[in-house]
């Protein structure tokens, strides 16, 4: 390991993180487990919403037949999601419009 074992592992309480196989692997290395981070749900809410959109707007509709199709399809979907799909929370703007409008403008050389 490049950085060694962590002293503590912070996570949510999803079944993949509470399974004995997972927790036993951590405990066998004397890694403490924390699942009670106050406000931690807020860390996940945005990514959970993103993956819900990905699943219902792309993956479930297309039923990809191979990993190559998944990679190509997701690349196309994320281009659409970031550059063409407006978002209610962004006042009908795209994520790209929001992100790039907050970036410092480069000044042209004189």
PDB file of N, CA and C in Angstrom:
ATOM      1  N   UNK A   1       0.836  -1.189   0.000  1.00  0.00           N
ATOM      2  CA  UNK A   1       0.000   0.000   0.000  1.00  0.00           C
ATOM      3  C   UNK A   1       0.875   1.244   0.000  1.00  0.00           C
ATOM      4  N   UNK A   2       0.488   2.188  -0.794  1.00  0.00           N
ATOM      5  CA  UNK A   2       1.269   3.414  -0.904  1.00  0.00           C
ATOM      6  C   UNK A   2       1.149   4.273   0.349  1.00  0.00           C
ATOM      7  N   UNK A   3      -0.062   4.355   0.934  1.00  0.00           N
ATOM      8  CA  UNK A   3      -0.285   5.242   2.074  1.00  0.00           C
ATOM      9  C   UNK A   3      -0.601   4.497   3.367  1.00  0.00           C
ATOM     10  N   UNK A   4      -0.632   3.184   3.354  1.00  0.00           N
ATOM     11  CA  UNK A   4      -0.956   2.427   4.551  1.00  0.00           C
ATOM     12  C   UNK A   4      -2.458   2.333   4.780  1.00  0.00           C
ATOM     13  N   UNK A   5      -2.826   1.668   5.845  1.00  0.00           N
ATOM     14  CA  UNK A   5      -4.243   1.490   6.173  1.00  0.00           C
ATOM     15  C   UNK A   5      -4.789   2.731   6.865  1.00  0.00           C
ATOM     16  N   UNK A   6      -6.043   3.071   6.595  1.00  0.00           N
ATOM     17  CA  UNK A   6      -6.650   4.191   7.317  1.00  0.00           C
ATOM     18  C   UNK A   6      -6.950   3.793   8.758  1.00  0.00           C
ATOM     19  N   UNK A   7      -7.053   4.772   9.625  1.00  0.00           N
ATOM     20  CA  UNK A   7      -7.423   4.497  11.023  1.00  0.00           C
ATOM     21  C   UNK A   7      -8.930   4.360  11.159  1.00  0.00           C
ATOM     22  N   UNK A   8      -9.677   5.070  10.313  1.00  0.00           N
ATOM     23  CA  UNK A   8     -11.132   5.065  10.395  1.00  0.00           C
ATOM     24  C   UNK A   8     -11.712   5.091   8.988  1.00  0.00           C
ATOM     25  N   UNK A   9     -12.842   4.411   8.813  1.00  0.00           N
ATOM     26  CA  UNK A   9     -13.538   4.371   7.536  1.00  0.00           C
ATOM     27  C   UNK A   9     -14.915   4.987   7.738  1.00  0.00           C
ATOM     28  N   UNK A  10     -15.173   6.133   7.100  1.00  0.00           N
ATOM     29  CA  UNK A  10     -16.461   6.817   7.200  1.00  0.00           C
ATOM     30  C   UNK A  10     -17.340   6.410   6.027  1.00  0.00           C
ATOM     31  N   UNK A  11     -18.587   6.053   6.311  1.00  0.00           N
ATOM     32  CA  UNK A  11     -19.487   5.625   5.260  1.00  0.00           C
ATOM     33  C   UNK A  11     -20.933   5.843   5.666  1.00  0.00           C
ATOM     34  N   UNK A  12     -21.833   5.608   4.722  1.00  0.00           N
ATOM     35  CA  UNK A  12     -23.249   5.631   5.067  1.00  0.00           C
ATOM     36  C   UNK A  12     -23.643   4.227   5.517  1.00  0.00           C
ATOM     37  N   UNK A  13     -24.928   4.008   5.717  1.00  0.00           N
ATOM     38  CA  UNK A  13     -25.374   2.721   6.257  1.00  0.00           C
ATOM     39  C   UNK A  13     -25.968   1.819   5.189  1.00  0.00           C
ATOM     40  N   UNK A  14     -25.540   1.976   3.948  1.00  0.00           N
ATOM     41  CA  UNK A  14     -26.020   1.119   2.866  1.00  0.00           C
ATOM     42  C   UNK A  14     -25.632  -0.328   3.115  1.00  0.00           C
ATOM     43  N   UNK A  15     -26.418  -1.239   2.547  1.00  0.00           N
ATOM     44  CA  UNK A  15     -26.202  -2.671   2.809  1.00  0.00           C
ATOM     45  C   UNK A  15     -24.811  -3.138   2.399  1.00  0.00           C
ATOM     46  N   UNK A  16     -24.233  -2.532   1.361  1.00  0.00           N
ATOM     47  CA  UNK A  16     -22.896  -2.947   0.951  1.00  0.00           C
ATOM     48  C   UNK A  16     -21.859  -2.623   2.006  1.00  0.00           C
ATOM     49  N   UNK A  17     -22.130  -1.609   2.848  1.00  0.00           N
ATOM     50  CA  UNK A  17     -21.180  -1.208   3.876  1.00  0.00           C
ATOM     51  C   UNK A  17     -21.460  -1.853   5.231  1.00  0.00           C
ATOM     52  N   UNK A  18     -22.626  -2.446   5.404  1.00  0.00           N
ATOM     53  CA  UNK A  18     -22.948  -3.092   6.672  1.00  0.00           C
ATOM     54  C   UNK A  18     -22.824  -4.609   6.584  1.00  0.00           C
ATOM     55  N   UNK A  19     -22.545  -5.129   5.401  1.00  0.00           N
ATOM     56  CA  UNK A  19     -22.384  -6.574   5.222  1.00  0.00           C
ATOM     57  C   UNK A  19     -21.191  -7.057   6.037  1.00  0.00           C
ATOM     58  N   UNK A  20     -21.329  -8.217   6.639  1.00  0.00           N
ATOM     59  CA  UNK A  20     -20.253  -8.764   7.479  1.00  0.00           C
ATOM     60  C   UNK A  20     -18.942  -8.914   6.723  1.00  0.00           C
ATOM     61  N   UNK A  21     -19.012  -9.317   5.465  1.00  0.00           N
ATOM     62  CA  UNK A  21     -17.781  -9.494   4.679  1.00  0.00           C
ATOM     63  C   UNK A  21     -16.999  -8.182   4.607  1.00  0.00           C
ATOM     64  N   UNK A  22     -17.708  -7.086   4.468  1.00  0.00           N
ATOM     65  CA  UNK A  22     -17.054  -5.776   4.385  1.00  0.00           C
ATOM     66  C   UNK A  22     -16.552  -5.318   5.746  1.00  0.00           C
ATOM     67  N   UNK A  23     -17.419  -5.357   6.750  1.00  0.00           N
ATOM     68  CA  UNK A  23     -17.017  -4.869   8.075  1.00  0.00           C
ATOM     69  C   UNK A  23     -15.936  -5.753   8.687  1.00  0.00           C
ATOM     70  N   UNK A  24     -16.001  -7.059   8.440  1.00  0.00           N
ATOM     71  CA  UNK A  24     -14.959  -7.952   8.960  1.00  0.00           C
ATOM     72  C   UNK A  24     -13.596  -7.636   8.349  1.00  0.00           C
ATOM     73  N   UNK A  25     -13.600  -7.283   7.050  1.00  0.00           N
ATOM     74  CA  UNK A  25     -12.339  -6.935   6.387  1.00  0.00           C
ATOM     75  C   UNK A  25     -11.718  -5.701   7.042  1.00  0.00           C
ATOM     76  N   UNK A  26     -12.550  -4.734   7.409  1.00  0.00           N
ATOM     77  CA  UNK A  26     -12.036  -3.538   8.088  1.00  0.00           C
ATOM     78  C   UNK A  26     -11.558  -3.863   9.498  1.00  0.00           C
ATOM     79  N   UNK A  27     -12.381  -4.585  10.241  1.00  0.00           N
ATOM     80  CA  UNK A  27     -12.030  -4.914  11.630  1.00  0.00           C
ATOM     81  C   UNK A  27     -10.759  -5.754  11.714  1.00  0.00           C
ATOM     82  N   UNK A  28     -10.571  -6.656  10.749  1.00  0.00           N
ATOM     83  CA  UNK A  28      -9.376  -7.507  10.779  1.00  0.00           C
ATOM     84  C   UNK A  28      -8.099  -6.691  10.611  1.00  0.00           C
ATOM     85  N   UNK A  29      -8.228  -5.478  10.117  1.00  0.00           N
ATOM     86  CA  UNK A  29      -7.081  -4.574   9.955  1.00  0.00           C
ATOM     87  C   UNK A  29      -7.082  -3.463  10.999  1.00  0.00           C
ATOM     88  N   UNK A  30      -7.914  -3.647  12.038  1.00  0.00           N
ATOM     89  CA  UNK A  30      -8.033  -2.658  13.121  1.00  0.00           C
ATOM     90  C   UNK A  30      -8.425  -1.269  12.614  1.00  0.00           C
ATOM     91  N   UNK A  31      -9.315  -1.230  11.615  1.00  0.00           N
ATOM     92  CA  UNK A  31      -9.820   0.034  11.078  1.00  0.00           C
ATOM     93  C   UNK A  31     -11.174   0.297  11.728  1.00  0.00           C
ATOM     94  N   UNK A  32     -11.293   1.443  12.389  1.00  0.00           N
ATOM     95  CA  UNK A  32     -12.560   1.817  13.015  1.00  0.00           C
ATOM     96  C   UNK A  32     -13.583   2.151  11.922  1.00  0.00           C
ATOM     97  N   UNK A  33     -14.849   1.892  12.206  1.00  0.00           N
ATOM     98  CA  UNK A  33     -15.926   2.135  11.251  1.00  0.00           C
ATOM     99  C   UNK A  33     -16.852   3.205  11.812  1.00  0.00           C
ATOM    100  N   UNK A  34     -17.108   4.247  11.024  1.00  0.00           N
ATOM    101  CA  UNK A  34     -18.021   5.303  11.434  1.00  0.00           C
ATOM    102  C   UNK A  34     -19.163   5.397  10.433  1.00  0.00           C
ATOM    103  N   UNK A  35     -20.387   5.269  10.947  1.00  0.00           N
ATOM    104  CA  UNK A  35     -21.575   5.404  10.103  1.00  0.00           C
ATOM    105  C   UNK A  35     -22.526   6.438  10.666  1.00  0.00           C
ATOM    106  N   UNK A  36     -22.037   7.272  11.542  1.00  0.00           N
ATOM    107  CA  UNK A  36     -22.937   8.199  12.218  1.00  0.00           C
ATOM    108  C   UNK A  36     -22.559   9.660  12.001  1.00  0.00           C
ATOM    109  N   UNK A  37     -21.892   9.949  10.899  1.00  0.00           N
ATOM    110  CA  UNK A  37     -21.502  11.330  10.638  1.00  0.00           C
ATOM    111  C   UNK A  37     -22.711  12.241  10.529  1.00  0.00           C
ATOM    112  N   UNK A  38     -22.789  13.209  11.397  1.00  0.00           N
ATOM    113  CA  UNK A  38     -23.905  14.142  11.392  1.00  0.00           C
ATOM    114  C   UNK A  38     -23.893  14.928  10.082  1.00  0.00           C
ATOM    115  N   UNK A  39     -25.028  14.925   9.385  1.00  0.00           N
ATOM    116  CA  UNK A  39     -25.124  15.623   8.119  1.00  0.00           C
ATOM    117  C   UNK A  39     -24.511  14.878   6.953  1.00  0.00           C
ATOM    118  N   UNK A  40     -24.009  13.670   7.178  1.00  0.00           N
ATOM    119  CA  UNK A  40     -23.356  12.920   6.110  1.00  0.00           C
ATOM    120  C   UNK A  40     -24.294  12.619   4.950  1.00  0.00           C
ATOM    121  N   UNK A  41     -25.599  12.503   5.222  1.00  0.00           N
ATOM    122  CA  UNK A  41     -26.558  12.230   4.145  1.00  0.00           C
ATOM    123  C   UNK A  41     -26.484  13.308   3.078  1.00  0.00           C
ATOM    124  N   UNK A  42     -26.131  14.527   3.486  1.00  0.00           N
ATOM    125  CA  UNK A  42     -26.060  15.622   2.517  1.00  0.00           C
ATOM    126  C   UNK A  42     -24.934  15.416   1.513  1.00  0.00           C
ATOM    127  N   UNK A  43     -23.894  14.699   1.919  1.00  0.00           N
ATOM    128  CA  UNK A  43     -22.785  14.421   1.012  1.00  0.00           C
ATOM    129  C   UNK A  43     -23.242  13.557  -0.155  1.00  0.00           C
ATOM    130  N   UNK A  44     -24.209  12.692   0.102  1.00  0.00           N
ATOM    131  CA  UNK A  44     -24.627  11.719  -0.897  1.00  0.00           C
ATOM    132  C   UNK A  44     -25.839  12.150  -1.722  1.00  0.00           C
ATOM    133  N   UNK A  45     -26.613  13.116  -1.255  1.00  0.00           N
ATOM    134  CA  UNK A  45     -27.889  13.421  -1.894  1.00  0.00           C
ATOM    135  C   UNK A  45     -27.717  13.831  -3.354  1.00  0.00           C
ATOM    136  N   UNK A  46     -26.694  14.579  -3.683  1.00  0.00           N
ATOM    137  CA  UNK A  46     -26.512  15.038  -5.055  1.00  0.00           C
ATOM    138  C   UNK A  46     -26.116  13.889  -5.976  1.00  0.00           C
ATOM    139  N   UNK A  47     -25.209  13.044  -5.528  1.00  0.00           N
ATOM    140  CA  UNK A  47     -24.793  11.917  -6.362  1.00  0.00           C
ATOM    141  C   UNK A  47     -25.921  10.898  -6.492  1.00  0.00           C
ATOM    142  N   UNK A  48     -26.722  10.730  -5.428  1.00  0.00           N
ATOM    143  CA  UNK A  48     -27.876   9.825  -5.507  1.00  0.00           C
ATOM    144  C   UNK A  48     -28.862  10.315  -6.562  1.00  0.00           C
ATOM    145  N   UNK A  49     -29.112  11.614  -6.602  1.00  0.00           N
ATOM    146  CA  UNK A  49     -30.024  12.178  -7.606  1.00  0.00           C
ATOM    147  C   UNK A  49     -29.449  12.004  -9.011  1.00  0.00           C
ATOM    148  N   UNK A  50     -28.155  12.217  -9.156  1.00  0.00           N
ATOM    149  CA  UNK A  50     -27.519  12.037 -10.459  1.00  0.00           C
ATOM    150  C   UNK A  50     -27.713  10.610 -10.951  1.00  0.00           C
ATOM    151  N   UNK A  51     -27.386   9.612 -10.112  1.00  0.00           N
ATOM    152  CA  UNK A  51     -27.477   8.227 -10.555  1.00  0.00           C
ATOM    153  C   UNK A  51     -28.912   7.788 -10.781  1.00  0.00           C
ATOM    154  N   UNK A  52     -29.862   8.389 -10.078  1.00  0.00           N
ATOM    155  CA  UNK A  52     -31.270   8.096 -10.363  1.00  0.00           C
ATOM    156  C   UNK A  52     -31.597   8.565 -11.784  1.00  0.00           C
ATOM    157  N   UNK A  53     -31.143   9.757 -12.138  1.00  0.00           N
ATOM    158  CA  UNK A  53     -31.359  10.268 -13.494  1.00  0.00           C
ATOM    159  C   UNK A  53     -30.689   9.369 -14.524  1.00  0.00           C
ATOM    160  N   UNK A  54     -29.451   8.991 -14.272  1.00  0.00           N
ATOM    161  CA  UNK A  54     -28.718   8.137 -15.208  1.00  0.00           C
ATOM    162  C   UNK A  54     -29.476   6.824 -15.433  1.00  0.00           C
ATOM    163  N   UNK A  55     -29.922   6.208 -14.344  1.00  0.00           N
ATOM    164  CA  UNK A  55     -30.620   4.923 -14.468  1.00  0.00           C
ATOM    165  C   UNK A  55     -31.926   5.042 -15.236  1.00  0.00           C
ATOM    166  N   UNK A  56     -32.769   6.013 -14.847  1.00  0.00           N
ATOM    167  CA  UNK A  56     -34.094   6.103 -15.440  1.00  0.00           C
ATOM    168  C   UNK A  56     -34.121   6.769 -16.805  1.00  0.00           C
ATOM    169  N   UNK A  57     -33.168   7.634 -17.104  1.00  0.00           N
ATOM    170  CA  UNK A  57     -33.160   8.327 -18.385  1.00  0.00           C
ATOM    171  C   UNK A  57     -32.275   7.649 -19.424  1.00  0.00           C
ATOM    172  N   UNK A  58     -31.451   6.699 -18.996  1.00  0.00           N
ATOM    173  CA  UNK A  58     -30.532   6.083 -19.956  1.00  0.00           C
ATOM    174  C   UNK A  58     -30.437   4.567 -19.791  1.00  0.00           C
ATOM    175  N   UNK A  59     -29.885   4.112 -18.695  1.00  0.00           N
ATOM    176  CA  UNK A  59     -29.568   2.689 -18.546  1.00  0.00           C
ATOM    177  C   UNK A  59     -30.792   1.787 -18.674  1.00  0.00           C
ATOM    178  N   UNK A  60     -31.864   2.074 -17.942  1.00  0.00           N
ATOM    179  CA  UNK A  60     -33.050   1.223 -17.993  1.00  0.00           C
ATOM    180  C   UNK A  60     -33.725   1.276 -19.362  1.00  0.00           C
ATOM    181  N   UNK A  61     -33.644   2.398 -20.043  1.00  0.00           N
ATOM    182  CA  UNK A  61     -34.284   2.537 -21.346  1.00  0.00           C
ATOM    183  C   UNK A  61     -33.524   1.821 -22.458  1.00  0.00           C
ATOM    184  N   UNK A  62     -32.208   1.772 -22.327  1.00  0.00           N
ATOM    185  CA  UNK A  62     -31.393   1.245 -23.423  1.00  0.00           C
ATOM    186  C   UNK A  62     -30.995  -0.213 -23.258  1.00  0.00           C
ATOM    187  N   UNK A  63     -30.988  -0.727 -22.040  1.00  0.00           N
ATOM    188  CA  UNK A  63     -30.630  -2.133 -21.783  1.00  0.00           C
ATOM    189  C   UNK A  63     -29.386  -2.537 -22.587  1.00  0.00           C
ATOM    190  N   UNK A  64     -28.283  -1.907 -22.289  1.00  0.00           N
ATOM    191  CA  UNK A  64     -27.028  -2.158 -22.999  1.00  0.00           C
ATOM    192  C   UNK A  64     -26.656  -3.643 -22.970  1.00  0.00           C
ATOM    193  N   UNK A  65     -26.051  -4.091 -24.064  1.00  0.00           N
ATOM    194  CA  UNK A  65     -25.684  -5.500 -24.183  1.00  0.00           C
ATOM    195  C   UNK A  65     -24.235  -5.802 -23.874  1.00  0.00           C
ATOM    196  N   UNK A  66     -23.407  -4.788 -23.744  1.00  0.00           N
ATOM    197  CA  UNK A  66     -21.987  -5.021 -23.468  1.00  0.00           C
ATOM    198  C   UNK A  66     -21.405  -3.810 -22.747  1.00  0.00           C
ATOM    199  N   UNK A  67     -20.244  -4.008 -22.143  1.00  0.00           N
ATOM    200  CA  UNK A  67     -19.574  -2.895 -21.459  1.00  0.00           C
ATOM    201  C   UNK A  67     -19.155  -1.821 -22.455  1.00  0.00           C
ATOM    202  N   UNK A  68     -18.783  -2.215 -23.660  1.00  0.00           N
ATOM    203  CA  UNK A  68     -18.409  -1.227 -24.673  1.00  0.00           C
ATOM    204  C   UNK A  68     -19.601  -0.317 -24.973  1.00  0.00           C
ATOM    205  N   UNK A  69     -20.792  -0.905 -25.078  1.00  0.00           N
ATOM    206  CA  UNK A  69     -22.005  -0.112 -25.307  1.00  0.00           C
ATOM    207  C   UNK A  69     -22.299   0.793 -24.114  1.00  0.00           C
ATOM    208  N   UNK A  70     -22.093   0.283 -22.898  1.00  0.00           N
ATOM    209  CA  UNK A  70     -22.323   1.092 -21.693  1.00  0.00           C
ATOM    210  C   UNK A  70     -21.405   2.305 -21.697  1.00  0.00           C
ATOM    211  N   UNK A  71     -20.119   2.093 -21.944  1.00  0.00           N
ATOM    212  CA  UNK A  71     -19.155   3.201 -21.939  1.00  0.00           C
ATOM    213  C   UNK A  71     -19.517   4.259 -22.973  1.00  0.00           C
ATOM    214  N   UNK A  72     -19.854   3.822 -24.176  1.00  0.00           N
ATOM    215  CA  UNK A  72     -20.220   4.762 -25.237  1.00  0.00           C
ATOM    216  C   UNK A  72     -21.523   5.471 -24.888  1.00  0.00           C
ATOM    217  N   UNK A  73     -22.500   4.713 -24.404  1.00  0.00           N
ATOM    218  CA  UNK A  73     -23.795   5.287 -24.060  1.00  0.00           C
ATOM    219  C   UNK A  73     -23.712   6.283 -22.921  1.00  0.00           C
ATOM    220  N   UNK A  74     -22.933   5.957 -21.888  1.00  0.00           N
ATOM    221  CA  UNK A  74     -22.799   6.882 -20.755  1.00  0.00           C
ATOM    222  C   UNK A  74     -22.030   8.142 -21.138  1.00  0.00           C
ATOM    223  N   UNK A  75     -21.048   8.001 -22.004  1.00  0.00           N
ATOM    224  CA  UNK A  75     -20.325   9.187 -22.477  1.00  0.00           C
ATOM    225  C   UNK A  75     -21.293  10.125 -23.194  1.00  0.00           C
ATOM    226  N   UNK A  76     -22.154   9.563 -24.030  1.00  0.00           N
ATOM    227  CA  UNK A  76     -23.160  10.354 -24.737  1.00  0.00           C
ATOM    228  C   UNK A  76     -24.156  10.959 -23.754  1.00  0.00           C
ATOM    229  N   UNK A  77     -24.595  10.165 -22.784  1.00  0.00           N
ATOM    230  CA  UNK A  77     -25.576  10.656 -21.810  1.00  0.00           C
ATOM    231  C   UNK A  77     -25.006  11.808 -20.972  1.00  0.00           C
ATOM    232  N   UNK A  78     -23.775  11.660 -20.487  1.00  0.00           N
ATOM    233  CA  UNK A  78     -23.198  12.711 -19.655  1.00  0.00           C
ATOM    234  C   UNK A  78     -22.933  13.989 -20.451  1.00  0.00           C
ATOM    235  N   UNK A  79     -22.632  13.857 -21.727  1.00  0.00           N
ATOM    236  CA  UNK A  79     -22.509  15.048 -22.574  1.00  0.00           C
ATOM    237  C   UNK A  79     -23.871  15.753 -22.626  1.00  0.00           C
ATOM    238  N   UNK A  80     -24.931  14.982 -22.839  1.00  0.00           N
ATOM    239  CA  UNK A  80     -26.291  15.534 -22.846  1.00  0.00           C
ATOM    240  C   UNK A  80     -26.636  16.138 -21.478  1.00  0.00           C
ATOM    241  N   UNK A  81     -26.374  15.393 -20.411  1.00  0.00           N
ATOM    242  CA  UNK A  81     -26.729  15.816 -19.052  1.00  0.00           C
ATOM    243  C   UNK A  81     -26.057  17.134 -18.682  1.00  0.00           C
ATOM    244  N   UNK A  82     -24.793  17.269 -19.042  1.00  0.00           N
ATOM    245  CA  UNK A  82     -24.025  18.454 -18.648  1.00  0.00           C
ATOM    246  C   UNK A  82     -24.173  19.640 -19.590  1.00  0.00           C
ATOM    247  N   UNK A  83     -24.436  19.376 -20.865  1.00  0.00           N
ATOM    248  CA  UNK A  83     -24.389  20.466 -21.828  1.00  0.00           C
ATOM    249  C   UNK A  83     -25.718  20.819 -22.484  1.00  0.00           C
ATOM    250  N   UNK A  84     -26.700  19.913 -22.485  1.00  0.00           N
ATOM    251  CA  UNK A  84     -27.963  20.211 -23.166  1.00  0.00           C
ATOM    252  C   UNK A  84     -29.194  20.091 -22.280  1.00  0.00           C
ATOM    253  N   UNK A  85     -29.164  19.282 -21.238  1.00  0.00           N
ATOM    254  CA  UNK A  85     -30.332  19.053 -20.384  1.00  0.00           C
ATOM    255  C   UNK A  85     -30.418  20.159 -19.342  1.00  0.00           C
ATOM    256  N   UNK A  86     -31.485  20.943 -19.364  1.00  0.00           N
ATOM    257  CA  UNK A  86     -31.642  21.989 -18.367  1.00  0.00           C
ATOM    258  C   UNK A  86     -32.044  21.369 -17.030  1.00  0.00           C
ATOM    259  N   UNK A  87     -31.739  22.066 -15.956  1.00  0.00           N
ATOM    260  CA  UNK A  87     -32.008  21.566 -14.612  1.00  0.00           C
ATOM    261  C   UNK A  87     -32.848  22.581 -13.856  1.00  0.00           C
ATOM    262  N   UNK A  88     -33.906  22.109 -13.267  1.00  0.00           N
ATOM    263  CA  UNK A  88     -34.820  22.975 -12.517  1.00  0.00           C
ATOM    264  C   UNK A  88     -34.080  23.733 -11.418  1.00  0.00           C
ATOM    265  N   UNK A  89     -33.192  23.037 -10.699  1.00  0.00           N
ATOM    266  CA  UNK A  89     -32.460  23.682  -9.602  1.00  0.00           C
ATOM    267  C   UNK A  89     -31.485  24.753 -10.086  1.00  0.00           C
ATOM    268  N   UNK A  90     -31.160  24.735 -11.360  1.00  0.00           N
ATOM    269  CA  UNK A  90     -30.240  25.718 -11.922  1.00  0.00           C
ATOM    270  C   UNK A  90     -30.985  26.775 -12.729  1.00  0.00           C
ATOM    271  N   UNK A  91     -32.252  26.993 -12.414  1.00  0.00           N
ATOM    272  CA  UNK A  91     -33.056  28.001 -13.100  1.00  0.00           C
ATOM    273  C   UNK A  91     -33.051  27.767 -14.611  1.00  0.00           C
ATOM    274  N   UNK A  92     -33.271  26.505 -14.990  1.00  0.00           N
ATOM    275  CA  UNK A  92     -33.353  26.075 -16.393  1.00  0.00           C
ATOM    276  C   UNK A  92     -32.041  26.304 -17.159  1.00  0.00           C
ATOM    277  N   UNK A  93     -30.933  26.149 -16.464  1.00  0.00           N
ATOM    278  CA  UNK A  93     -29.620  26.206 -17.094  1.00  0.00           C
ATOM    279  C   UNK A  93     -28.995  24.828 -17.008  1.00  0.00           C
ATOM    280  N   UNK A  94     -27.964  24.595 -17.786  1.00  0.00           N
ATOM    281  CA  UNK A  94     -27.264  23.318 -17.744  1.00  0.00           C
ATOM    282  C   UNK A  94     -26.142  23.391 -16.706  1.00  0.00           C
ATOM    283  N   UNK A  95     -25.660  22.239 -16.234  1.00  0.00           N
ATOM    284  CA  UNK A  95     -24.511  22.264 -15.321  1.00  0.00           C
ATOM    285  C   UNK A  95     -23.297  22.963 -15.934  1.00  0.00           C
ATOM    286  N   UNK A  96     -23.066  22.771 -17.219  1.00  0.00           N
ATOM    287  CA  UNK A  96     -21.933  23.443 -17.865  1.00  0.00           C
ATOM    288  C   UNK A  96     -22.087  24.956 -17.826  1.00  0.00           C
ATOM    289  N   UNK A  97     -23.298  25.450 -18.050  1.00  0.00           N
ATOM    290  CA  UNK A  97     -23.526  26.899 -18.009  1.00  0.00           C
ATOM    291  C   UNK A  97     -23.216  27.439 -16.614  1.00  0.00           C
ATOM    292  N   UNK A  98     -23.633  26.720 -15.591  1.00  0.00           N
ATOM    293  CA  UNK A  98     -23.392  27.166 -14.217  1.00  0.00           C
ATOM    294  C   UNK A  98     -21.904  27.095 -13.882  1.00  0.00           C
ATOM    295  N   UNK A  99     -21.294  25.955 -14.162  1.00  0.00           N
ATOM    296  CA  UNK A  99     -19.895  25.742 -13.797  1.00  0.00           C
ATOM    297  C   UNK A  99     -18.982  26.739 -14.505  1.00  0.00           C
ATOM    298  N   UNK A 100     -19.131  26.851 -15.816  1.00  0.00           N
ATOM    299  CA  UNK A 100     -18.202  27.699 -16.560  1.00  0.00           C
ATOM    300  C   UNK A 100     -18.451  29.186 -16.340  1.00  0.00           C
ATOM    301  N   UNK A 101     -19.652  29.549 -15.903  1.00  0.00           N
ATOM    302  CA  UNK A 101     -19.896  30.964 -15.618  1.00  0.00           C
ATOM    303  C   UNK A 101     -19.263  31.385 -14.293  1.00  0.00           C
ATOM    304  N   UNK A 102     -18.880  30.411 -13.460  1.00  0.00           N
ATOM    305  CA  UNK A 102     -18.246  30.735 -12.180  1.00  0.00           C
ATOM    306  C   UNK A 102     -16.732  30.654 -12.245  1.00  0.00           C
ATOM    307  N   UNK A 103     -16.193  30.214 -13.366  1.00  0.00           N
ATOM    308  CA  UNK A 103     -14.747  30.105 -13.517  1.00  0.00           C
ATOM    309  C   UNK A 103     -14.158  31.478 -13.822  1.00  0.00           C
ATOM    310  N   UNK A 104     -12.971  31.770 -13.280  1.00  0.00           N
ATOM    311  CA  UNK A 104     -12.343  33.063 -13.581  1.00  0.00           C
ATOM    312  C   UNK A 104     -12.061  33.168 -15.071  1.00  0.00           C
ATOM    313  N   UNK A 105     -12.292  34.325 -15.622  1.00  0.00           N
ATOM    314  CA  UNK A 105     -12.048  34.549 -17.046  1.00  0.00           C
ATOM    315  C   UNK A 105     -10.564  34.780 -17.288  1.00  0.00           C
ATOM    316  N   UNK A 106     -10.045  34.138 -18.323  1.00  0.00           N
ATOM    317  CA  UNK A 106      -8.647  34.369 -18.707  1.00  0.00           C
ATOM    318  C   UNK A 106      -8.561  35.666 -19.491  1.00  0.00           C
ATOM    319  N   UNK A 107      -7.581  36.468 -19.185  1.00  0.00           N
ATOM    320  CA  UNK A 107      -7.418  37.720 -19.900  1.00  0.00           C
ATOM    321  C   UNK A 107      -6.484  37.497 -21.087  1.00  0.00           C
ATOM    322  N   UNK A 108      -6.814  38.139 -22.176  1.00  0.00           N
ATOM    323  CA  UNK A 108      -5.980  38.044 -23.367  1.00  0.00           C
ATOM    324  C   UNK A 108      -4.668  38.791 -23.120  1.00  0.00           C
ATOM    325  N   UNK A 109      -3.612  38.289 -23.715  1.00  0.00           N
ATOM    326  CA  UNK A 109      -2.317  38.966 -23.589  1.00  0.00           C
ATOM    327  C   UNK A 109      -2.375  40.297 -24.331  1.00  0.00           C
ATOM    328  N   UNK A 110      -1.746  41.291 -23.771  1.00  0.00           N
ATOM    329  CA  UNK A 110      -1.774  42.629 -24.387  1.00  0.00           C
ATOM    330  C   UNK A 110      -0.831  42.730 -25.546  1.00  0.00           C
TER     331      UNK A 110
END
